[in-house]
Amino acid sequence: MSIDNSIKLAVSNVLKNPVLAVLKEINISKILIESNIIKRDIGYTPFRMLLHFIYMLVINKRQSAFIRHSSDAYKKDTYYRFVQDIRYNWRKLLAFSASALIGKLRPLQKSTDCPVLIIDDTVEPKCGKRIEGSCKSIYSNKEHRCISGVNMVSLAYSDEHSTFQLDFSLRLNTSRRHEMADFTKVLHHKSNGYKRRTEGLDGKNTLAITMVKRALQMGIDADYLLVDSWYAKPQFFEDAKLLGIDTIARLPNNSRIWNFQGKHKTINAIHDGLKPQKRTFAGHHGKIRYTYFDHVVHHQILGRIKLVFLSTHKELLVFASTDTTRTGKEIIDIYKKRWNIEQSYKDLREYFGFGKEENRIYEALIARITLSMFTYNLLVYINRVNHEPKTLGELFRDLECELQALAISMQLFLQILTNIANIHQNLKGSKELQHLVAVIGAYTKKELGFMCES
């Protein structure tokens, strides 16, 4: 075995980069080509650009700090050009990579697991007046008031243990700061980028159903679709049923939206009429204790659906399922998984730069949100296949320390070897040692992904 191959084997056995290993495992090069993220002109390969953004997020540094502290970083304009390229299909990158990661996890899933799709939306504050895709007035449930920002509708996949982001759309309401005709980039009306802009004018329910349809067509296997009361309308249930997936949702107690056939028409009337007759069951979620009962009702559009009436000491919650074979307890337990997407938003904000994008161009904003979700999915997968799963925060901090230690320690080690090689009077084989330094440095960079295989 040659000295170069020996060094390569020694470096690969010692330096373990889980991020790079997962990217190779899902064949990221093929996914980039399918997403039209390819190298067209002179410059750096999209794979290396993607890897730089992943390291920025994992090491938790802003772009300016990453450029300042990393000797392998590129100029800032290189990163700006990458996220602003209108030819890249960021939706495919997120969807195909998430699908590949979920496929790798199937052998770990049990037959009793109940995978679900979750639709939800969130509002992220954006104060800049020139940010394309932002709106002046959006109601924030977190702030309990109208704020300036972007409204994102997203689709996630969740099983018993992990949550992956599949897709998202930016919703534009009537208070949008910029009309699409005034956006910086000029797009052809048949391009994917233009279609992604115009879809923002659709309603949330339309955006949600379209995302679910794309996910199912891509082969994502899920038993149920979970939504909150905003999306829980009869037509939404019907559209999801036509796609071949049952829906479990919390219903709004609104007689204008939900009217049923039979003796009792409204939710309150059904609850008050059946409560004395039905056997109630007790349960708890954390410290919250509740009682519940279920009943199958008939709806003019949906036919038979099962309602679950859950009462706490504060309020009455009503859940509906188009799958009437499930018990009330099973419906409640499945709907609890909807909270996973809220935890996902929290992790994205805290660890992956979501909501802190420094871009005003619409395509760049889409790219940065996609990169945050893409990196989030990678770390969720790494955590899942780890023999000792941790919270995402613990894993994030461990990976940050590992990558920084790997880069810094090898840099110092190479500097020491270089200094030794330069002491000609003490070492006759200086040229051999200098070659050794060069080979170790090359393989170290390759383990970090900063150098291609060739």
Protein backbone atom coordinates (compact mmCIF):
# COMPACT_ATOMS: atom_id res chain seq x y z
CA MET A 1 0.00 0.00 0.00
CA SER A 2 1.39 3.42 -0.96
CA ILE A 3 2.01 6.12 1.61
CA ASP A 4 -0.84 8.21 0.17
CA ASN A 5 -3.35 5.36 0.53
CA SER A 6 -2.11 4.60 4.04
CA ILE A 7 -2.63 8.22 5.05
CA LYS A 8 -6.09 8.24 3.46
CA LEU A 9 -7.08 5.11 5.41
CA ALA A 10 -5.72 6.50 8.67
CA VAL A 11 -7.49 9.86 8.22
CA SER A 12 -10.83 8.24 7.27
CA ASN A 13 -10.68 5.96 10.33
CA VAL A 14 -10.06 8.84 12.74
CA LEU A 15 -12.04 11.72 11.24
CA LYS A 16 -15.77 11.04 11.24
CA ASN A 17 -18.00 13.63 9.60
CA PRO A 18 -21.64 12.49 10.00
CA VAL A 19 -23.01 15.32 7.83
CA LEU A 20 -20.91 14.36 4.82
CA ALA A 21 -21.65 10.66 5.39
CA VAL A 22 -25.43 11.23 5.30
CA LEU A 23 -25.19 13.38 2.15
CA LYS A 24 -23.34 10.57 0.40
CA GLU A 25 -25.82 8.02 1.75
CA ILE A 26 -28.82 9.76 0.14
CA ASN A 27 -26.87 10.42 -3.08
CA ILE A 28 -27.08 14.19 -2.81
CA SER A 29 -25.35 14.68 -6.18
CA LYS A 30 -28.27 13.02 -7.97
CA ILE A 31 -30.79 15.07 -5.96
CA LEU A 32 -28.99 18.31 -6.89
CA ILE A 33 -29.13 17.39 -10.58
CA GLU A 34 -32.85 16.53 -10.34
CA SER A 35 -33.40 19.90 -8.65
CA ASN A 36 -31.60 21.69 -11.51
CA ILE A 37 -28.92 22.84 -9.06
CA ILE A 38 -25.98 22.25 -11.34
CA LYS A 39 -22.76 24.04 -12.25
CA ARG A 40 -23.16 25.95 -15.50
CA ASP A 41 -20.35 28.46 -15.58
CA ILE A 42 -16.96 28.85 -13.95
CA GLY A 43 -17.01 28.83 -10.18
CA TYR A 44 -17.61 26.41 -7.34
CA THR A 45 -19.76 23.30 -7.48
CA PRO A 46 -23.27 23.49 -5.97
CA PHE A 47 -22.40 20.57 -3.67
CA ARG A 48 -19.59 22.53 -2.02
CA MET A 49 -21.79 25.62 -1.78
CA LEU A 50 -24.52 23.55 -0.14
CA LEU A 51 -22.01 22.09 2.30
CA HIS A 52 -20.78 25.56 3.27
CA PHE A 53 -24.32 26.66 4.13
CA ILE A 54 -24.86 23.49 6.19
CA TYR A 55 -21.67 24.22 8.15
CA MET A 56 -22.74 27.83 8.66
CA LEU A 57 -25.97 26.63 10.27
CA VAL A 58 -24.46 23.76 12.27
CA ILE A 59 -21.58 25.87 13.59
CA ASN A 60 -24.22 28.54 14.23
CA LYS A 61 -22.43 31.41 12.53
CA ARG A 62 -23.78 34.16 10.36
CA GLN A 63 -22.48 34.33 6.82
CA SER A 64 -20.17 37.26 7.58
CA ALA A 65 -18.69 35.49 10.63
CA PHE A 66 -18.22 32.26 8.67
CA ILE A 67 -16.30 34.12 5.95
CA ARG A 68 -14.19 35.93 8.53
CA HIS A 69 -13.20 32.86 10.55
CA SER A 70 -12.92 30.13 7.91
CA SER A 71 -9.88 30.01 5.62
CA ASP A 72 -11.88 27.83 3.18
CA ALA A 73 -14.80 30.27 2.90
CA TYR A 74 -15.59 32.03 -0.38
CA LYS A 75 -16.34 35.68 -1.03
CA LYS A 76 -19.73 36.92 0.12
CA ASP A 77 -20.93 37.55 -3.44
CA THR A 78 -20.42 33.85 -4.20
CA TYR A 79 -22.96 32.90 -1.54
CA TYR A 80 -25.38 35.66 -2.62
CA ARG A 81 -25.29 34.49 -6.24
CA PHE A 82 -25.96 30.92 -5.17
CA VAL A 83 -29.16 31.66 -3.21
CA GLN A 84 -30.43 34.16 -5.80
CA ASP A 85 -30.16 31.87 -8.82
CA ILE A 86 -33.65 31.70 -10.35
CA ARG A 87 -32.94 28.39 -12.15
CA TYR A 88 -32.63 26.33 -8.99
CA ASN A 89 -35.67 24.32 -7.87
CA TRP A 90 -35.41 24.53 -4.09
CA ARG A 91 -38.74 22.77 -3.56
CA LYS A 92 -37.41 19.61 -5.23
CA LEU A 93 -34.21 19.74 -3.19
CA LEU A 94 -36.15 19.75 0.09
CA ALA A 95 -38.76 17.21 -1.02
CA PHE A 96 -36.38 14.69 -2.64
CA SER A 97 -33.87 14.83 0.22
CA ALA A 98 -36.60 14.45 2.86
CA SER A 99 -38.10 11.54 0.92
CA ALA A 100 -34.68 9.84 0.74
CA LEU A 101 -34.10 10.28 4.48
CA ILE A 102 -37.57 8.93 5.33
CA GLY A 103 -36.93 5.97 3.04
CA LYS A 104 -33.72 5.18 4.93
CA LEU A 105 -35.69 5.12 8.20
CA ARG A 106 -38.35 2.63 7.07
CA PRO A 107 -36.41 -0.42 8.34
CA LEU A 108 -36.39 1.21 11.80
CA GLN A 109 -40.14 1.79 11.87
CA LYS A 110 -42.47 -0.70 13.57
CA SER A 111 -45.70 -2.02 12.11
CA THR A 112 -47.57 -0.35 14.98
CA ASP A 113 -46.17 3.11 14.13
CA CYS A 114 -48.65 5.59 12.70
CA PRO A 115 -46.89 8.03 10.32
CA VAL A 116 -48.78 11.26 9.66
CA LEU A 117 -48.62 14.40 7.55
CA ILE A 118 -49.03 17.68 9.43
CA ILE A 119 -50.15 21.01 7.97
CA ASP A 120 -49.54 24.20 9.92
CA ASP A 121 -48.59 27.83 9.37
CA THR A 122 -46.39 30.27 11.23
CA VAL A 123 -45.65 33.99 11.09
CA GLU A 124 -42.06 35.23 11.24
CA PRO A 125 -41.44 38.94 11.95
CA LYS A 126 -39.72 40.87 9.14
CA CYS A 127 -39.38 44.60 9.62
CA GLY A 128 -37.61 45.56 6.39
CA LYS A 129 -39.77 47.52 3.98
CA ARG A 130 -37.92 46.16 0.94
CA ILE A 131 -38.28 42.45 1.77
CA GLU A 132 -40.12 40.74 -1.07
CA GLY A 133 -42.78 38.29 0.09
CA SER A 134 -43.41 40.10 3.38
CA CYS A 135 -46.69 41.69 4.44
CA LYS A 136 -47.41 44.76 6.55
CA SER A 137 -50.13 43.17 8.66
CA ILE A 138 -50.37 39.47 9.55
CA TYR A 139 -52.04 38.20 12.70
CA SER A 140 -49.57 36.33 14.90
CA ASN A 141 -50.95 33.79 17.38
CA LYS A 142 -47.68 34.03 19.28
CA GLU A 143 -47.86 37.82 19.67
CA HIS A 144 -51.68 37.97 19.77
CA ARG A 145 -51.61 40.95 17.43
CA CYS A 146 -50.94 41.92 13.83
CA ILE A 147 -47.26 42.24 12.92
CA SER A 148 -45.13 42.84 9.84
CA GLY A 149 -43.55 39.65 8.51
CA VAL A 150 -43.88 36.57 6.30
CA ASN A 151 -46.61 33.98 6.60
CA MET A 152 -45.40 30.44 5.89
CA VAL A 153 -47.63 27.41 5.35
CA SER A 154 -45.65 24.20 5.74
CA LEU A 155 -46.05 20.44 5.44
CA ALA A 156 -44.23 18.02 7.74
CA TYR A 157 -43.97 14.25 8.08
CA SER A 158 -43.89 12.65 11.53
CA ASP A 159 -43.76 9.11 12.86
CA GLU A 160 -43.44 8.00 16.48
CA HIS A 161 -39.93 9.46 16.87
CA SER A 162 -38.91 11.98 14.17
CA THR A 163 -40.31 14.94 12.26
CA PHE A 164 -39.16 16.00 8.78
CA GLN A 165 -40.02 19.16 6.86
CA LEU A 166 -41.33 18.32 3.36
CA ASP A 167 -42.57 21.53 1.76
CA PHE A 168 -43.59 25.14 2.40
CA SER A 169 -45.17 28.15 0.71
CA LEU A 170 -45.10 31.85 1.54
CA ARG A 171 -48.62 33.23 1.72
CA LEU A 172 -49.18 36.77 0.45
CA ASN A 173 -52.22 38.66 1.73
CA THR A 174 -53.67 41.98 0.64
CA SER A 175 -51.20 43.92 2.83
CA ARG A 176 -48.13 42.64 0.93
CA ARG A 177 -45.35 45.20 0.70
CA HIS A 178 -44.51 44.49 -2.94
CA GLU A 179 -46.55 43.30 -5.88
CA MET A 180 -45.02 40.41 -7.81
CA ALA A 181 -44.50 42.63 -10.84
CA ASP A 182 -42.15 44.78 -8.71
CA PHE A 183 -39.93 41.90 -7.53
CA THR A 184 -36.23 42.24 -8.35
CA LYS A 185 -35.85 39.12 -10.50
CA VAL A 186 -37.72 38.92 -13.81
CA LEU A 187 -39.06 35.40 -14.43
CA HIS A 188 -40.71 33.70 -17.38
CA HIS A 189 -44.39 33.08 -16.71
CA LYS A 190 -43.98 29.33 -17.32
CA SER A 191 -40.99 28.87 -15.01
CA ASN A 192 -41.18 27.05 -11.66
CA GLY A 193 -40.00 30.19 -9.88
CA TYR A 194 -42.88 32.25 -11.29
CA LYS A 195 -45.41 29.55 -10.32
CA ARG A 196 -44.00 29.54 -6.79
CA ARG A 197 -44.54 33.29 -6.58
CA THR A 198 -48.13 33.20 -7.84
CA GLU A 199 -49.15 30.32 -5.56
CA GLY A 200 -48.70 32.70 -2.64
CA LEU A 201 -51.89 34.47 -3.70
CA ASP A 202 -53.94 31.30 -3.13
CA GLY A 203 -55.70 30.61 0.15
CA LYS A 204 -54.08 28.59 2.92
CA ASN A 205 -56.37 25.61 2.36
CA THR A 206 -55.51 25.51 -1.35
CA LEU A 207 -51.79 25.72 -0.58
CA ALA A 208 -52.12 22.94 2.00
CA ILE A 209 -53.99 20.53 -0.29
CA THR A 210 -51.53 21.18 -3.13
CA MET A 211 -48.56 20.37 -0.87
CA VAL A 212 -50.23 17.18 0.39
CA LYS A 213 -50.92 16.13 -3.21
CA ARG A 214 -47.26 16.63 -4.16
CA ALA A 215 -46.06 14.63 -1.14
CA LEU A 216 -48.38 11.69 -1.84
CA GLN A 217 -47.44 11.64 -5.52
CA MET A 218 -43.79 11.49 -4.48
CA GLY A 219 -44.43 8.30 -2.53
CA ILE A 220 -44.55 9.63 1.03
CA ASP A 221 -46.53 7.05 2.98
CA ALA A 222 -48.76 8.41 5.76
CA ASP A 223 -51.91 7.14 7.47
CA TYR A 224 -53.48 10.48 8.40
CA LEU A 225 -53.38 14.20 7.72
CA LEU A 226 -53.44 16.37 10.86
CA VAL A 227 -54.60 20.00 10.79
CA ASP A 228 -55.75 22.60 13.28
CA SER A 229 -59.08 24.39 13.37
CA TRP A 230 -58.13 26.97 10.71
CA TYR A 231 -58.03 24.31 7.97
CA ALA A 232 -60.85 22.16 9.37
CA LYS A 233 -63.58 22.92 6.84
CA PRO A 234 -65.83 20.35 5.11
CA GLN A 235 -64.38 21.06 1.67
CA PHE A 236 -60.83 20.55 2.96
CA PHE A 237 -61.81 17.16 4.41
CA GLU A 238 -63.40 16.24 1.07
CA ASP A 239 -60.36 17.31 -0.96
CA ALA A 240 -58.06 15.26 1.28
CA LYS A 241 -60.37 12.25 1.00
CA LEU A 242 -60.18 12.48 -2.81
CA LEU A 243 -56.37 12.30 -2.49
CA GLY A 244 -56.75 9.04 -0.57
CA ILE A 245 -55.82 10.16 2.94
CA ASP A 246 -57.99 10.39 6.07
CA THR A 247 -58.01 13.61 8.09
CA ILE A 248 -57.99 14.16 11.83
CA ALA A 249 -58.58 17.74 12.92
CA ARG A 250 -59.72 19.95 15.72
CA LEU A 251 -63.02 21.52 14.68
CA PRO A 252 -63.93 25.17 15.17
CA ASN A 253 -67.12 25.48 17.18
CA ASN A 254 -68.80 27.49 14.44
CA SER A 255 -72.34 26.66 13.31
CA ARG A 256 -71.80 28.49 10.01
CA ILE A 257 -69.02 26.07 9.04
CA TRP A 258 -70.17 22.82 10.63
CA ASN A 259 -73.80 21.68 10.42
CA PHE A 260 -74.74 18.02 10.72
CA GLN A 261 -77.70 15.89 9.71
CA GLY A 262 -80.02 14.36 12.28
CA LYS A 263 -81.76 15.57 15.39
CA HIS A 264 -78.87 17.75 16.58
CA LYS A 265 -77.35 20.06 13.98
CA THR A 266 -74.56 21.99 15.72
CA ILE A 267 -71.55 20.89 17.76
CA ASN A 268 -72.94 22.33 21.00
CA ALA A 269 -76.32 20.70 20.42
CA ILE A 270 -74.74 17.29 19.78
CA HIS A 271 -72.56 17.59 22.89
CA ASP A 272 -75.37 18.71 25.20
CA GLY A 273 -77.78 16.12 23.81
CA LEU A 274 -75.40 13.14 24.05
CA LYS A 275 -73.43 13.87 27.21
CA PRO A 276 -76.06 12.46 29.62
CA GLN A 277 -76.37 9.27 27.51
CA LYS A 278 -72.73 8.55 26.64
CA ARG A 279 -70.13 6.81 28.78
CA THR A 280 -67.25 9.20 29.38
CA PHE A 281 -63.60 8.24 29.71
CA ALA A 282 -60.81 9.98 31.62
CA GLY A 283 -57.33 10.82 30.35
CA HIS A 284 -54.47 13.24 30.81
CA HIS A 285 -51.85 15.04 28.75
CA GLY A 286 -49.01 16.04 31.03
CA LYS A 287 -50.64 17.82 33.94
CA ILE A 288 -53.87 18.48 32.04
CA ARG A 289 -56.66 16.07 32.95
CA TYR A 290 -59.73 15.66 30.78
CA THR A 291 -62.79 13.54 30.07
CA TYR A 292 -64.04 12.56 26.62
CA PHE A 293 -66.59 10.58 24.64
CA ASP A 294 -67.03 9.95 20.92
CA HIS A 295 -69.96 9.65 18.53
CA VAL A 296 -70.43 9.01 14.81
CA VAL A 297 -72.46 11.69 13.03
CA HIS A 298 -73.57 12.29 9.44
CA HIS A 299 -72.53 15.26 7.33
CA GLN A 300 -74.09 16.29 4.05
CA ILE A 301 -70.74 16.42 2.19
CA LEU A 302 -68.53 14.01 4.12
CA GLY A 303 -71.02 11.32 5.11
CA ARG A 304 -70.07 9.46 8.30
CA ILE A 305 -67.40 11.06 10.50
CA LYS A 306 -66.48 10.46 14.12
CA LEU A 307 -66.49 13.32 16.60
CA VAL A 308 -64.57 13.23 19.89
CA PHE A 309 -65.73 15.66 22.60
CA LEU A 310 -62.91 16.41 25.05
CA SER A 311 -63.64 18.50 28.14
CA THR A 312 -61.06 20.08 30.43
CA HIS A 313 -61.84 22.29 33.41
CA LYS A 314 -61.40 25.29 31.08
CA GLU A 315 -62.92 24.47 27.68
CA LEU A 316 -64.54 21.99 25.31
CA LEU A 317 -62.41 20.70 22.43
CA VAL A 318 -63.93 18.80 19.52
CA PHE A 319 -61.92 16.54 17.18
CA ALA A 320 -63.13 14.94 13.97
CA SER A 321 -61.87 11.94 12.03
CA THR A 322 -62.95 10.68 8.62
CA ASP A 323 -61.75 7.23 9.75
CA THR A 324 -64.64 6.06 11.91
CA THR A 325 -62.93 2.76 12.85
CA ARG A 326 -60.61 4.48 15.32
CA THR A 327 -61.60 4.77 18.98
CA GLY A 328 -61.83 8.13 20.70
CA LYS A 329 -58.59 7.48 22.61
CA GLU A 330 -56.74 6.58 19.39
CA ILE A 331 -57.95 9.75 17.66
CA ILE A 332 -56.76 11.90 20.57
CA ASP A 333 -53.38 10.12 20.72
CA ILE A 334 -52.85 10.55 16.96
CA TYR A 335 -53.82 14.22 17.04
CA LYS A 336 -51.26 14.85 19.80
CA LYS A 337 -48.58 14.32 17.13
CA ARG A 338 -49.60 17.63 15.57
CA TRP A 339 -47.58 19.28 18.33
CA ASN A 340 -44.43 17.88 16.69
CA ILE A 341 -44.52 20.56 14.02
CA GLU A 342 -44.66 23.28 16.67
CA GLN A 343 -41.54 21.81 18.28
CA SER A 344 -40.01 21.68 14.80
CA TYR A 345 -40.60 25.43 14.34
CA LYS A 346 -39.01 26.08 17.73
CA ASP A 347 -35.89 24.09 16.82
CA LEU A 348 -35.65 25.77 13.42
CA ARG A 349 -35.71 29.20 15.03
CA GLU A 350 -33.29 28.35 17.82
CA TYR A 351 -30.66 26.32 15.98
CA PHE A 352 -31.06 26.70 12.20
CA GLY A 353 -31.42 30.41 11.53
CA PHE A 354 -35.11 30.26 10.58
CA GLY A 355 -36.60 33.74 10.77
CA LYS A 356 -33.12 35.36 10.74
CA GLU A 357 -32.61 35.37 6.97
CA GLU A 358 -30.72 38.44 5.76
CA ASN A 359 -32.20 38.55 2.27
CA ARG A 360 -34.73 40.87 0.69
CA ILE A 361 -34.97 39.14 -2.72
CA TYR A 362 -37.80 36.61 -2.85
CA GLU A 363 -35.78 33.78 -4.42
CA ALA A 364 -32.99 34.21 -1.85
CA LEU A 365 -35.52 34.13 1.00
CA ILE A 366 -36.97 30.87 -0.36
CA ALA A 367 -33.45 29.43 -0.68
CA ARG A 368 -32.40 30.31 2.87
CA ILE A 369 -35.57 28.88 4.41
CA THR A 370 -35.08 25.71 2.35
CA LEU A 371 -31.45 25.41 3.51
CA SER A 372 -32.54 25.78 7.15
CA MET A 373 -35.13 23.01 6.74
CA PHE A 374 -32.70 20.84 4.75
CA THR A 375 -30.08 21.05 7.51
CA TYR A 376 -32.75 20.42 10.15
CA ASN A 377 -33.80 17.22 8.35
CA LEU A 378 -30.18 16.02 8.19
CA LEU A 379 -29.69 16.42 11.95
CA VAL A 380 -33.04 14.77 12.72
CA TYR A 381 -31.92 11.77 10.67
CA ILE A 382 -28.48 11.65 12.32
CA ASN A 383 -30.16 11.76 15.73
CA ARG A 384 -32.59 8.97 14.77
CA VAL A 385 -29.95 6.51 13.51
CA ASN A 386 -27.68 7.24 16.46
CA HIS A 387 -27.64 4.41 19.00
CA GLU A 388 -28.10 6.96 21.80
CA PRO A 389 -30.64 9.53 20.54
CA LYS A 390 -30.50 12.96 22.16
CA THR A 391 -32.62 16.04 22.09
CA LEU A 392 -32.02 18.05 18.93
CA GLY A 393 -30.38 20.81 20.96
CA GLU A 394 -27.84 18.41 22.47
CA LEU A 395 -27.07 16.88 19.08
CA PHE A 396 -26.73 20.35 17.53
CA ARG A 397 -24.20 21.44 20.16
CA ASP A 398 -22.27 18.16 19.85
CA LEU A 399 -22.02 18.42 16.07
CA GLU A 400 -21.00 22.07 16.32
CA CYS A 401 -18.18 21.15 18.72
CA GLU A 402 -17.11 18.12 16.66
CA LEU A 403 -16.84 20.03 13.38
CA GLN A 404 -15.05 22.98 14.96
CA ALA A 405 -12.65 20.71 16.85
CA LEU A 406 -11.99 18.65 13.73
CA ALA A 407 -11.12 21.71 11.65
CA ILE A 408 -9.13 23.54 14.35
CA SER A 409 -7.17 20.54 15.65
CA MET A 410 -6.14 19.41 12.17
CA GLN A 411 -5.15 22.94 11.24
CA LEU A 412 -2.91 23.21 14.32
CA PHE A 413 -1.49 19.72 13.74
CA LEU A 414 -0.58 20.59 10.15
CA GLN A 415 0.97 23.86 11.29
CA ILE A 416 3.17 21.96 13.77
CA LEU A 417 4.29 19.50 11.09
CA THR A 418 5.03 22.37 8.71
CA ASN A 419 7.17 24.13 11.30
CA ILE A 420 9.12 20.89 11.91
CA ALA A 421 9.62 20.39 8.19
CA ASN A 422 11.07 23.90 7.88
CA ILE A 423 13.87 23.14 10.39
CA HIS A 424 16.32 21.87 7.78
CA GLN A 425 19.27 21.56 10.15
CA ASN A 426 17.41 19.15 12.40
CA LEU A 427 15.59 17.05 9.78
CA LYS A 428 17.16 15.76 6.59
CA GLY A 429 13.93 14.32 5.15
CA SER A 430 12.19 17.69 5.03
CA LYS A 431 10.78 17.16 1.54
CA GLU A 432 9.17 13.87 2.52
CA LEU A 433 7.59 15.48 5.57
CA GLN A 434 6.33 18.39 3.52
CA HIS A 435 4.72 15.89 1.14
CA LEU A 436 3.20 14.17 4.16
CA VAL A 437 1.75 17.48 5.35
CA ALA A 438 0.25 18.15 1.92
CA VAL A 439 -1.36 14.71 1.70
CA ILE A 440 -2.83 14.88 5.23
CA GLY A 441 -4.16 18.39 4.54
CA ALA A 442 -5.80 17.25 1.31
CA TYR A 443 -7.56 14.27 2.90
CA THR A 444 -8.63 16.34 5.88
CA LYS A 445 -10.30 18.86 3.59
CA LYS A 446 -11.96 16.02 1.71
CA GLU A 447 -13.42 14.67 4.97
CA LEU A 448 -14.88 18.13 5.59
CA GLY A 449 -16.19 18.23 2.04
CA PHE A 450 -14.05 21.18 0.96
CA MET A 451 -12.24 19.15 -1.70
CA CYS A 452 -13.66 16.89 -4.39
CA GLU A 453 -12.83 13.18 -4.66
CA SER A 454 -10.46 13.69 -7.57
